[in-house]
Amino acid sequence: MNLIDRIRKCFDLERVLYSGHARHEMRVEEFGQITDQEVYEAVKNGKVIEEYPNDRPYTSVLVFGKTNSKRPIHIVCAFDAENNQTIIITVYHPDPNVWDDFQRRKK
């Protein structure tokens, strides 16, 4: 099972831990608040667009997905294999001035 599948399975099993930073960013997002349901929807149909193998204590990834209402969401998350849980590090609505098609950083 690849990493995105493990992350999705954690959502299905309700084995997801949001950092305080992620919760804060979800509340104050400049494009409008982001809900837990929107994060779930974006992860369920999302894909890994960047990997951060040197992050500690767990490697993390940037997942891009769209909600059922087509809102683009970026989720930085890590998979904790020992505890079989996904840790949400931060969540945000990607700025179109910074991202090409919300998937590649503009040069």
PDB file of N, CA and C in Angstrom:
ATOM      1  N   MET A   1       0.851  -1.177   0.000  1.00  0.00           N
ATOM      2  CA  MET A   1       0.000   0.000   0.000  1.00  0.00           C
ATOM      3  C   MET A   1       0.899   1.243   0.000  1.00  0.00           C
ATOM      4  N   ASN A   2       0.645   2.185  -0.912  1.00  0.00           N
ATOM      5  CA  ASN A   2       1.469   3.386  -0.963  1.00  0.00           C
ATOM      6  C   ASN A   2       1.030   4.393   0.103  1.00  0.00           C
ATOM      7  N   LEU A   3       1.794   5.459   0.246  1.00  0.00           N
ATOM      8  CA  LEU A   3       1.566   6.405   1.335  1.00  0.00           C
ATOM      9  C   LEU A   3       0.203   7.079   1.265  1.00  0.00           C
ATOM     10  N   ILE A   4      -0.218   7.535   0.111  1.00  0.00           N
ATOM     11  CA  ILE A   4      -1.518   8.215   0.025  1.00  0.00           C
ATOM     12  C   ILE A   4      -2.644   7.255   0.397  1.00  0.00           C
ATOM     13  N   ASP A   5      -2.506   5.987   0.050  1.00  0.00           N
ATOM     14  CA  ASP A   5      -3.529   5.007   0.434  1.00  0.00           C
ATOM     15  C   ASP A   5      -3.553   4.804   1.946  1.00  0.00           C
ATOM     16  N   ARG A   6      -2.394   4.799   2.581  1.00  0.00           N
ATOM     17  CA  ARG A   6      -2.329   4.682   4.042  1.00  0.00           C
ATOM     18  C   ARG A   6      -2.976   5.892   4.707  1.00  0.00           C
ATOM     19  N   ILE A   7      -2.692   7.068   4.157  1.00  0.00           N
ATOM     20  CA  ILE A   7      -3.289   8.294   4.692  1.00  0.00           C
ATOM     21  C   ILE A   7      -4.805   8.242   4.555  1.00  0.00           C
ATOM     22  N   ARG A   8      -5.294   7.848   3.400  1.00  0.00           N
ATOM     23  CA  ARG A   8      -6.754   7.749   3.183  1.00  0.00           C
ATOM     24  C   ARG A   8      -7.383   6.745   4.141  1.00  0.00           C
ATOM     25  N   LYS A   9      -6.711   5.622   4.342  1.00  0.00           N
ATOM     26  CA  LYS A   9      -7.250   4.599   5.250  1.00  0.00           C
ATOM     27  C   LYS A   9      -7.386   5.156   6.669  1.00  0.00           C
ATOM     28  N   CYS A  10      -6.421   5.970   7.097  1.00  0.00           N
ATOM     29  CA  CYS A  10      -6.519   6.601   8.421  1.00  0.00           C
ATOM     30  C   CYS A  10      -7.760   7.477   8.518  1.00  0.00           C
ATOM     31  N   PHE A  11      -8.083   8.194   7.445  1.00  0.00           N
ATOM     32  CA  PHE A  11      -9.295   9.012   7.457  1.00  0.00           C
ATOM     33  C   PHE A  11     -10.521   8.117   7.607  1.00  0.00           C
ATOM     34  N   ASP A  12     -10.549   7.004   6.876  1.00  0.00           N
ATOM     35  CA  ASP A  12     -11.679   6.073   6.974  1.00  0.00           C
ATOM     36  C   ASP A  12     -11.820   5.493   8.380  1.00  0.00           C
ATOM     37  N   LEU A  13     -10.677   5.269   9.038  1.00  0.00           N
ATOM     38  CA  LEU A  13     -10.681   4.682  10.386  1.00  0.00           C
ATOM     39  C   LEU A  13     -10.739   5.736  11.496  1.00  0.00           C
ATOM     40  N   GLU A  14     -10.841   7.003  11.092  1.00  0.00           N
ATOM     41  CA  GLU A  14     -10.849   8.121  12.047  1.00  0.00           C
ATOM     42  C   GLU A  14      -9.595   8.116  12.912  1.00  0.00           C
ATOM     43  N   ARG A  15      -8.454   7.874  12.256  1.00  0.00           N
ATOM     44  CA  ARG A  15      -7.137   7.869  12.912  1.00  0.00           C
ATOM     45  C   ARG A  15      -6.344   9.069  12.407  1.00  0.00           C
ATOM     46  N   VAL A  16      -6.923  10.263  12.584  1.00  0.00           N
ATOM     47  CA  VAL A  16      -6.330  11.496  12.086  1.00  0.00           C
ATOM     48  C   VAL A  16      -6.168  12.465  13.253  1.00  0.00           C
ATOM     49  N   LEU A  17      -4.962  13.005  13.377  1.00  0.00           N
ATOM     50  CA  LEU A  17      -4.651  13.959  14.431  1.00  0.00           C
ATOM     51  C   LEU A  17      -4.285  15.285  13.767  1.00  0.00           C
ATOM     52  N   TYR A  18      -5.005  16.351  14.122  1.00  0.00           N
ATOM     53  CA  TYR A  18      -4.721  17.684  13.591  1.00  0.00           C
ATOM     54  C   TYR A  18      -3.809  18.421  14.562  1.00  0.00           C
ATOM     55  N   SER A  19      -2.739  19.013  14.047  1.00  0.00           N
ATOM     56  CA  SER A  19      -1.870  19.841  14.891  1.00  0.00           C
ATOM     57  C   SER A  19      -2.612  21.133  15.231  1.00  0.00           C
ATOM     58  N   GLY A  20      -2.173  21.781  16.292  1.00  0.00           N
ATOM     59  CA  GLY A  20      -2.751  23.075  16.643  1.00  0.00           C
ATOM     60  C   GLY A  20      -2.567  24.079  15.517  1.00  0.00           C
ATOM     61  N   HIS A  21      -1.410  24.007  14.854  1.00  0.00           N
ATOM     62  CA  HIS A  21      -1.130  24.896  13.725  1.00  0.00           C
ATOM     63  C   HIS A  21      -2.151  24.676  12.603  1.00  0.00           C
ATOM     64  N   ALA A  22      -2.436  23.413  12.281  1.00  0.00           N
ATOM     65  CA  ALA A  22      -3.400  23.110  11.225  1.00  0.00           C
ATOM     66  C   ALA A  22      -4.774  23.665  11.580  1.00  0.00           C
ATOM     67  N   ARG A  23      -5.206  23.461  12.808  1.00  0.00           N
ATOM     68  CA  ARG A  23      -6.520  23.969  13.249  1.00  0.00           C
ATOM     69  C   ARG A  23      -6.581  25.492  13.128  1.00  0.00           C
ATOM     70  N   HIS A  24      -5.506  26.146  13.535  1.00  0.00           N
ATOM     71  CA  HIS A  24      -5.466  27.607  13.441  1.00  0.00           C
ATOM     72  C   HIS A  24      -5.569  28.056  11.981  1.00  0.00           C
ATOM     73  N   GLU A  25      -4.758  27.460  11.121  1.00  0.00           N
ATOM     74  CA  GLU A  25      -4.768  27.833   9.705  1.00  0.00           C
ATOM     75  C   GLU A  25      -6.127  27.571   9.059  1.00  0.00           C
ATOM     76  N   MET A  26      -6.791  26.513   9.458  1.00  0.00           N
ATOM     77  CA  MET A  26      -8.122  26.209   8.916  1.00  0.00           C
ATOM     78  C   MET A  26      -9.130  27.290   9.306  1.00  0.00           C
ATOM     79  N   ARG A  27      -8.996  27.831  10.516  1.00  0.00           N
ATOM     80  CA  ARG A  27      -9.920  28.863  11.001  1.00  0.00           C
ATOM     81  C   ARG A  27      -9.694  30.223  10.347  1.00  0.00           C
ATOM     82  N   VAL A  28      -8.423  30.576  10.108  1.00  0.00           N
ATOM     83  CA  VAL A  28      -8.115  31.928   9.640  1.00  0.00           C
ATOM     84  C   VAL A  28      -7.772  31.986   8.150  1.00  0.00           C
ATOM     85  N   GLU A  29      -8.009  30.939   7.417  1.00  0.00           N
ATOM     86  CA  GLU A  29      -7.680  30.875   5.988  1.00  0.00           C
ATOM     87  C   GLU A  29      -8.260  32.089   5.257  1.00  0.00           C
ATOM     88  N   GLU A  30      -7.403  32.804   4.500  1.00  0.00           N
ATOM     89  CA  GLU A  30      -7.824  34.028   3.824  1.00  0.00           C
ATOM     90  C   GLU A  30      -8.896  33.808   2.755  1.00  0.00           C
ATOM     91  N   PHE A  31      -8.990  32.618   2.194  1.00  0.00           N
ATOM     92  CA  PHE A  31     -10.014  32.323   1.187  1.00  0.00           C
ATOM     93  C   PHE A  31     -11.279  31.752   1.825  1.00  0.00           C
ATOM     94  N   GLY A  32     -11.348  31.749   3.154  1.00  0.00           N
ATOM     95  CA  GLY A  32     -12.512  31.234   3.887  1.00  0.00           C
ATOM     96  C   GLY A  32     -12.146  30.001   4.687  1.00  0.00           C
ATOM     97  N   GLN A  33     -12.802  29.846   5.824  1.00  0.00           N
ATOM     98  CA  GLN A  33     -12.534  28.711   6.715  1.00  0.00           C
ATOM     99  C   GLN A  33     -12.555  27.387   5.972  1.00  0.00           C
ATOM    100  N   ILE A  34     -11.726  26.470   6.430  1.00  0.00           N
ATOM    101  CA  ILE A  34     -11.680  25.114   5.876  1.00  0.00           C
ATOM    102  C   ILE A  34     -12.202  24.165   6.946  1.00  0.00           C
ATOM    103  N   THR A  35     -13.138  23.312   6.575  1.00  0.00           N
ATOM    104  CA  THR A  35     -13.734  22.374   7.524  1.00  0.00           C
ATOM    105  C   THR A  35     -13.047  21.012   7.473  1.00  0.00           C
ATOM    106  N   ASP A  36     -13.269  20.214   8.520  1.00  0.00           N
ATOM    107  CA  ASP A  36     -12.762  18.838   8.535  1.00  0.00           C
ATOM    108  C   ASP A  36     -13.302  18.062   7.331  1.00  0.00           C
ATOM    109  N   GLN A  37     -14.554  18.283   7.001  1.00  0.00           N
ATOM    110  CA  GLN A  37     -15.162  17.579   5.869  1.00  0.00           C
ATOM    111  C   GLN A  37     -14.442  17.929   4.571  1.00  0.00           C
ATOM    112  N   GLU A  38     -14.070  19.186   4.398  1.00  0.00           N
ATOM    113  CA  GLU A  38     -13.345  19.584   3.184  1.00  0.00           C
ATOM    114  C   GLU A  38     -11.968  18.927   3.129  1.00  0.00           C
ATOM    115  N   VAL A  39     -11.306  18.826   4.264  1.00  0.00           N
ATOM    116  CA  VAL A  39     -10.005  18.147   4.302  1.00  0.00           C
ATOM    117  C   VAL A  39     -10.190  16.685   3.889  1.00  0.00           C
ATOM    118  N   TYR A  40     -11.196  16.035   4.454  1.00  0.00           N
ATOM    119  CA  TYR A  40     -11.493  14.638   4.121  1.00  0.00           C
ATOM    120  C   TYR A  40     -11.725  14.487   2.612  1.00  0.00           C
ATOM    121  N   GLU A  41     -12.568  15.336   2.054  1.00  0.00           N
ATOM    122  CA  GLU A  41     -12.887  15.250   0.627  1.00  0.00           C
ATOM    123  C   GLU A  41     -11.640  15.456  -0.234  1.00  0.00           C
ATOM    124  N   ALA A  42     -10.801  16.424   0.142  1.00  0.00           N
ATOM    125  CA  ALA A  42      -9.590  16.706  -0.638  1.00  0.00           C
ATOM    126  C   ALA A  42      -8.597  15.549  -0.571  1.00  0.00           C
ATOM    127  N   VAL A  43      -8.466  14.935   0.594  1.00  0.00           N
ATOM    128  CA  VAL A  43      -7.562  13.785   0.733  1.00  0.00           C
ATOM    129  C   VAL A  43      -8.100  12.591  -0.043  1.00  0.00           C
ATOM    130  N   LYS A  44      -9.389  12.355   0.016  1.00  0.00           N
ATOM    131  CA  LYS A  44      -9.975  11.182  -0.638  1.00  0.00           C
ATOM    132  C   LYS A  44      -9.774  11.204  -2.153  1.00  0.00           C
ATOM    133  N   ASN A  45      -9.764  12.391  -2.760  1.00  0.00           N
ATOM    134  CA  ASN A  45      -9.563  12.429  -4.213  1.00  0.00           C
ATOM    135  C   ASN A  45      -8.249  13.097  -4.593  1.00  0.00           C
ATOM    136  N   GLY A  46      -7.375  13.304  -3.600  1.00  0.00           N
ATOM    137  CA  GLY A  46      -6.136  14.030  -3.837  1.00  0.00           C
ATOM    138  C   GLY A  46      -4.972  13.166  -4.269  1.00  0.00           C
ATOM    139  N   LYS A  47      -3.851  13.864  -4.475  1.00  0.00           N
ATOM    140  CA  LYS A  47      -2.619  13.182  -4.853  1.00  0.00           C
ATOM    141  C   LYS A  47      -1.442  13.898  -4.203  1.00  0.00           C
ATOM    142  N   VAL A  48      -0.376  13.165  -4.015  1.00  0.00           N
ATOM    143  CA  VAL A  48       0.842  13.724  -3.443  1.00  0.00           C
ATOM    144  C   VAL A  48       1.540  14.534  -4.536  1.00  0.00           C
ATOM    145  N   ILE A  49       1.814  15.821  -4.244  1.00  0.00           N
ATOM    146  CA  ILE A  49       2.493  16.652  -5.237  1.00  0.00           C
ATOM    147  C   ILE A  49       3.909  17.045  -4.795  1.00  0.00           C
ATOM    148  N   GLU A  50       4.218  16.895  -3.515  1.00  0.00           N
ATOM    149  CA  GLU A  50       5.579  17.109  -3.024  1.00  0.00           C
ATOM    150  C   GLU A  50       5.833  16.153  -1.872  1.00  0.00           C
ATOM    151  N   GLU A  51       7.081  15.741  -1.734  1.00  0.00           N
ATOM    152  CA  GLU A  51       7.484  14.867  -0.631  1.00  0.00           C
ATOM    153  C   GLU A  51       8.585  15.556   0.161  1.00  0.00           C
ATOM    154  N   TYR A  52       8.547  15.385   1.474  1.00  0.00           N
ATOM    155  CA  TYR A  52       9.541  15.976   2.361  1.00  0.00           C
ATOM    156  C   TYR A  52      10.165  14.857   3.203  1.00  0.00           C
ATOM    157  N   PRO A  53      11.082  14.088   2.596  1.00  0.00           N
ATOM    158  CA  PRO A  53      11.637  12.912   3.267  1.00  0.00           C
ATOM    159  C   PRO A  53      12.514  13.232   4.478  1.00  0.00           C
ATOM    160  N   ASN A  54      12.996  14.465   4.596  1.00  0.00           N
ATOM    161  CA  ASN A  54      13.866  14.820   5.715  1.00  0.00           C
ATOM    162  C   ASN A  54      13.115  15.383   6.916  1.00  0.00           C
ATOM    163  N   ASP A  55      11.787  15.518   6.807  1.00  0.00           N
ATOM    164  CA  ASP A  55      11.002  16.002   7.948  1.00  0.00           C
ATOM    165  C   ASP A  55      11.061  14.991   9.088  1.00  0.00           C
ATOM    166  N   ARG A  56      11.061  15.493  10.292  1.00  0.00           N
ATOM    167  CA  ARG A  56      11.101  14.648  11.486  1.00  0.00           C
ATOM    168  C   ARG A  56      10.038  15.084  12.471  1.00  0.00           C
ATOM    169  N   PRO A  57       9.444  14.213  13.225  1.00  0.00           N
ATOM    170  CA  PRO A  57       9.848  12.822  13.425  1.00  0.00           C
ATOM    171  C   PRO A  57       9.345  11.878  12.327  1.00  0.00           C
ATOM    172  N   TYR A  58       8.492  12.371  11.410  1.00  0.00           N
ATOM    173  CA  TYR A  58       7.993  11.527  10.323  1.00  0.00           C
ATOM    174  C   TYR A  58       8.177  12.283   9.016  1.00  0.00           C
ATOM    175  N   THR A  59       8.480  11.556   7.951  1.00  0.00           N
ATOM    176  CA  THR A  59       8.495  12.211   6.646  1.00  0.00           C
ATOM    177  C   THR A  59       7.074  12.696   6.362  1.00  0.00           C
ATOM    178  N   SER A  60       6.980  13.769   5.603  1.00  0.00           N
ATOM    179  CA  SER A  60       5.657  14.299   5.311  1.00  0.00           C
ATOM    180  C   SER A  60       5.506  14.516   3.814  1.00  0.00           C
ATOM    181  N   VAL A  61       4.283  14.786   3.417  1.00  0.00           N
ATOM    182  CA  VAL A  61       3.956  15.002   2.014  1.00  0.00           C
ATOM    183  C   VAL A  61       2.958  16.152   1.905  1.00  0.00           C
ATOM    184  N   LEU A  62       2.956  16.763   0.729  1.00  0.00           N
ATOM    185  CA  LEU A  62       1.955  17.772   0.402  1.00  0.00           C
ATOM    186  C   LEU A  62       0.939  17.115  -0.513  1.00  0.00           C
ATOM    187  N   VAL A  63      -0.300  17.080  -0.063  1.00  0.00           N
ATOM    188  CA  VAL A  63      -1.386  16.489  -0.836  1.00  0.00           C
ATOM    189  C   VAL A  63      -2.225  17.621  -1.421  1.00  0.00           C
ATOM    190  N   PHE A  64      -2.498  17.527  -2.714  1.00  0.00           N
ATOM    191  CA  PHE A  64      -3.419  18.448  -3.366  1.00  0.00           C
ATOM    192  C   PHE A  64      -4.676  17.681  -3.712  1.00  0.00           C
ATOM    193  N   GLY A  65      -5.810  18.261  -3.348  1.00  0.00           N
ATOM    194  CA  GLY A  65      -7.086  17.667  -3.711  1.00  0.00           C
ATOM    195  C   GLY A  65      -8.141  18.742  -3.796  1.00  0.00           C
ATOM    196  N   LYS A  66      -9.267  18.373  -4.345  1.00  0.00           N
ATOM    197  CA  LYS A  66     -10.396  19.302  -4.425  1.00  0.00           C
ATOM    198  C   LYS A  66     -11.565  18.729  -3.634  1.00  0.00           C
ATOM    199  N   THR A  67     -12.304  19.636  -3.036  1.00  0.00           N
ATOM    200  CA  THR A  67     -13.494  19.231  -2.289  1.00  0.00           C
ATOM    201  C   THR A  67     -14.594  18.873  -3.283  1.00  0.00           C
ATOM    202  N   ASN A  68     -15.691  18.371  -2.772  1.00  0.00           N
ATOM    203  CA  ASN A  68     -16.822  18.047  -3.643  1.00  0.00           C
ATOM    204  C   ASN A  68     -17.347  19.281  -4.373  1.00  0.00           C
ATOM    205  N   SER A  69     -17.125  20.473  -3.775  1.00  0.00           N
ATOM    206  CA  SER A  69     -17.555  21.714  -4.421  1.00  0.00           C
ATOM    207  C   SER A  69     -16.438  22.312  -5.293  1.00  0.00           C
ATOM    208  N   LYS A  70     -15.360  21.535  -5.519  1.00  0.00           N
ATOM    209  CA  LYS A  70     -14.237  21.897  -6.401  1.00  0.00           C
ATOM    210  C   LYS A  70     -13.282  22.919  -5.787  1.00  0.00           C
ATOM    211  N   ARG A  71     -13.340  23.121  -4.477  1.00  0.00           N
ATOM    212  CA  ARG A  71     -12.397  24.020  -3.814  1.00  0.00           C
ATOM    213  C   ARG A  71     -11.037  23.327  -3.726  1.00  0.00           C
ATOM    214  N   PRO A  72      -9.953  23.987  -4.175  1.00  0.00           N
ATOM    215  CA  PRO A  72      -8.626  23.383  -4.069  1.00  0.00           C
ATOM    216  C   PRO A  72      -8.105  23.491  -2.632  1.00  0.00           C
ATOM    217  N   ILE A  73      -7.507  22.423  -2.141  1.00  0.00           N
ATOM    218  CA  ILE A  73      -6.969  22.394  -0.782  1.00  0.00           C
ATOM    219  C   ILE A  73      -5.597  21.728  -0.825  1.00  0.00           C
ATOM    220  N   HIS A  74      -4.659  22.281  -0.067  1.00  0.00           N
ATOM    221  CA  HIS A  74      -3.365  21.649   0.165  1.00  0.00           C
ATOM    222  C   HIS A  74      -3.334  21.179   1.605  1.00  0.00           C
ATOM    223  N   ILE A  75      -2.863  19.960   1.810  1.00  0.00           N
ATOM    224  CA  ILE A  75      -2.746  19.369   3.144  1.00  0.00           C
ATOM    225  C   ILE A  75      -1.330  18.829   3.286  1.00  0.00           C
ATOM    226  N   VAL A  76      -0.586  19.346   4.260  1.00  0.00           N
ATOM    227  CA  VAL A  76       0.712  18.773   4.574  1.00  0.00           C
ATOM    228  C   VAL A  76       0.461  17.792   5.705  1.00  0.00           C
ATOM    229  N   CYS A  77       0.822  16.532   5.467  1.00  0.00           N
ATOM    230  CA  CYS A  77       0.549  15.514   6.473  1.00  0.00           C
ATOM    231  C   CYS A  77       1.662  14.476   6.520  1.00  0.00           C
ATOM    232  N   ALA A  78       1.667  13.759   7.622  1.00  0.00           N
ATOM    233  CA  ALA A  78       2.655  12.701   7.839  1.00  0.00           C
ATOM    234  C   ALA A  78       1.908  11.450   8.272  1.00  0.00           C
ATOM    235  N   PHE A  79       2.516  10.309   7.993  1.00  0.00           N
ATOM    236  CA  PHE A  79       1.940   9.042   8.420  1.00  0.00           C
ATOM    237  C   PHE A  79       2.810   8.463   9.525  1.00  0.00           C
ATOM    238  N   ASP A  80       2.191   8.217  10.675  1.00  0.00           N
ATOM    239  CA  ASP A  80       2.859   7.613  11.830  1.00  0.00           C
ATOM    240  C   ASP A  80       2.531   6.123  11.805  1.00  0.00           C
ATOM    241  N   ALA A  81       3.451   5.318  11.262  1.00  0.00           N
ATOM    242  CA  ALA A  81       3.210   3.881  11.107  1.00  0.00           C
ATOM    243  C   ALA A  81       3.080   3.172  12.449  1.00  0.00           C
ATOM    244  N   GLU A  82       3.862   3.606  13.437  1.00  0.00           N
ATOM    245  CA  GLU A  82       3.838   2.950  14.742  1.00  0.00           C
ATOM    246  C   GLU A  82       2.451   3.027  15.394  1.00  0.00           C
ATOM    247  N   ASN A  83       1.793   4.171  15.237  1.00  0.00           N
ATOM    248  CA  ASN A  83       0.464   4.362  15.823  1.00  0.00           C
ATOM    249  C   ASN A  83      -0.658   4.281  14.792  1.00  0.00           C
ATOM    250  N   ASN A  84      -0.303   3.960  13.551  1.00  0.00           N
ATOM    251  CA  ASN A  84      -1.274   3.862  12.462  1.00  0.00           C
ATOM    252  C   ASN A  84      -2.205   5.072  12.437  1.00  0.00           C
ATOM    253  N   GLN A  85      -1.587   6.249  12.318  1.00  0.00           N
ATOM    254  CA  GLN A  85      -2.387   7.464  12.246  1.00  0.00           C
ATOM    255  C   GLN A  85      -1.753   8.474  11.296  1.00  0.00           C
ATOM    256  N   THR A  86      -2.593   9.344  10.781  1.00  0.00           N
ATOM    257  CA  THR A  86      -2.138  10.447   9.951  1.00  0.00           C
ATOM    258  C   THR A  86      -2.130  11.695  10.806  1.00  0.00           C
ATOM    259  N   ILE A  87      -1.074  12.465  10.672  1.00  0.00           N
ATOM    260  CA  ILE A  87      -0.947  13.724  11.396  1.00  0.00           C
ATOM    261  C   ILE A  87      -1.052  14.856  10.374  1.00  0.00           C
ATOM    262  N   ILE A  88      -2.029  15.730  10.577  1.00  0.00           N
ATOM    263  CA  ILE A  88      -2.211  16.881   9.698  1.00  0.00           C
ATOM    264  C   ILE A  88      -1.377  18.022  10.267  1.00  0.00           C
ATOM    265  N   ILE A  89      -0.401  18.457   9.499  1.00  0.00           N
ATOM    266  CA  ILE A  89       0.533  19.487   9.950  1.00  0.00           C
ATOM    267  C   ILE A  89       0.010  20.874   9.629  1.00  0.00           C
ATOM    268  N   THR A  90      -0.463  21.055   8.411  1.00  0.00           N
ATOM    269  CA  THR A  90      -1.108  22.311   8.045  1.00  0.00           C
ATOM    270  C   THR A  90      -2.055  22.071   6.875  1.00  0.00           C
ATOM    271  N   VAL A  91      -2.976  23.003   6.725  1.00  0.00           N
ATOM    272  CA  VAL A  91      -3.991  22.932   5.671  1.00  0.00           C
ATOM    273  C   VAL A  91      -4.201  24.360   5.163  1.00  0.00           C
ATOM    274  N   TYR A  92      -4.299  24.497   3.844  1.00  0.00           N
ATOM    275  CA  TYR A  92      -4.572  25.835   3.307  1.00  0.00           C
ATOM    276  C   TYR A  92      -5.140  25.742   1.899  1.00  0.00           C
ATOM    277  N   HIS A  93      -5.774  26.818   1.506  1.00  0.00           N
ATOM    278  CA  HIS A  93      -6.272  26.991   0.147  1.00  0.00           C
ATOM    279  C   HIS A  93      -5.102  27.603  -0.628  1.00  0.00           C
ATOM    280  N   PRO A  94      -4.544  26.903  -1.618  1.00  0.00           N
ATOM    281  CA  PRO A  94      -3.362  27.417  -2.313  1.00  0.00           C
ATOM    282  C   PRO A  94      -3.642  28.718  -3.060  1.00  0.00           C
ATOM    283  N   ASP A  95      -2.706  29.641  -2.955  1.00  0.00           N
ATOM    284  CA  ASP A  95      -2.805  30.937  -3.608  1.00  0.00           C
ATOM    285  C   ASP A  95      -2.520  30.761  -5.106  1.00  0.00           C
ATOM    286  N   PRO A  96      -3.451  31.139  -5.973  1.00  0.00           N
ATOM    287  CA  PRO A  96      -3.231  30.972  -7.415  1.00  0.00           C
ATOM    288  C   PRO A  96      -2.075  31.809  -7.948  1.00  0.00           C
ATOM    289  N   ASN A  97      -1.631  32.818  -7.193  1.00  0.00           N
ATOM    290  CA  ASN A  97      -0.479  33.611  -7.613  1.00  0.00           C
ATOM    291  C   ASN A  97       0.840  32.888  -7.349  1.00  0.00           C
ATOM    292  N   VAL A  98       0.791  31.844  -6.539  1.00  0.00           N
ATOM    293  CA  VAL A  98       1.994  31.096  -6.159  1.00  0.00           C
ATOM    294  C   VAL A  98       2.049  29.734  -6.846  1.00  0.00           C
ATOM    295  N   TRP A  99       0.883  29.190  -7.200  1.00  0.00           N
ATOM    296  CA  TRP A  99       0.797  27.818  -7.728  1.00  0.00           C
ATOM    297  C   TRP A  99       0.222  27.795  -9.132  1.00  0.00           C
ATOM    298  N   ASP A 100       0.853  27.034 -10.026  1.00  0.00           N
ATOM    299  CA  ASP A 100       0.320  26.737 -11.356  1.00  0.00           C
ATOM    300  C   ASP A 100      -0.662  25.588 -11.214  1.00  0.00           C
ATOM    301  N   ASP A 101      -1.898  25.823 -11.589  1.00  0.00           N
ATOM    302  CA  ASP A 101      -2.928  24.780 -11.507  1.00  0.00           C
ATOM    303  C   ASP A 101      -2.975  24.148 -10.107  1.00  0.00           C
ATOM    304  N   PHE A 102      -2.546  24.903  -9.099  1.00  0.00           N
ATOM    305  CA  PHE A 102      -2.536  24.484  -7.689  1.00  0.00           C
ATOM    306  C   PHE A 102      -1.628  23.285  -7.423  1.00  0.00           C
ATOM    307  N   GLN A 103      -0.808  22.902  -8.407  1.00  0.00           N
ATOM    308  CA  GLN A 103      -0.009  21.693  -8.265  1.00  0.00           C
ATOM    309  C   GLN A 103       1.502  21.903  -8.387  1.00  0.00           C
ATOM    310  N   ARG A 104       1.924  22.984  -9.036  1.00  0.00           N
ATOM    311  CA  ARG A 104       3.347  23.249  -9.212  1.00  0.00           C
ATOM    312  C   ARG A 104       3.618  24.687  -8.807  1.00  0.00           C
ATOM    313  N   ARG A 105       4.688  24.864  -8.037  1.00  0.00           N
ATOM    314  CA  ARG A 105       5.059  26.227  -7.636  1.00  0.00           C
ATOM    315  C   ARG A 105       5.487  27.017  -8.863  1.00  0.00           C
ATOM    316  N   LYS A 106       4.989  28.250  -8.958  1.00  0.00           N
ATOM    317  CA  LYS A 106       5.404  29.110 -10.056  1.00  0.00           C
ATOM    318  C   LYS A 106       6.850  29.518  -9.872  1.00  0.00           C
ATOM    319  N   LYS A 107       7.533  29.663 -10.946  1.00  0.00           N
ATOM    320  CA  LYS A 107       8.959  30.043 -10.916  1.00  0.00           C
ATOM    321  C   LYS A 107       9.123  31.537 -10.727  1.00  0.00           C
TER     322      LYS A 107
END
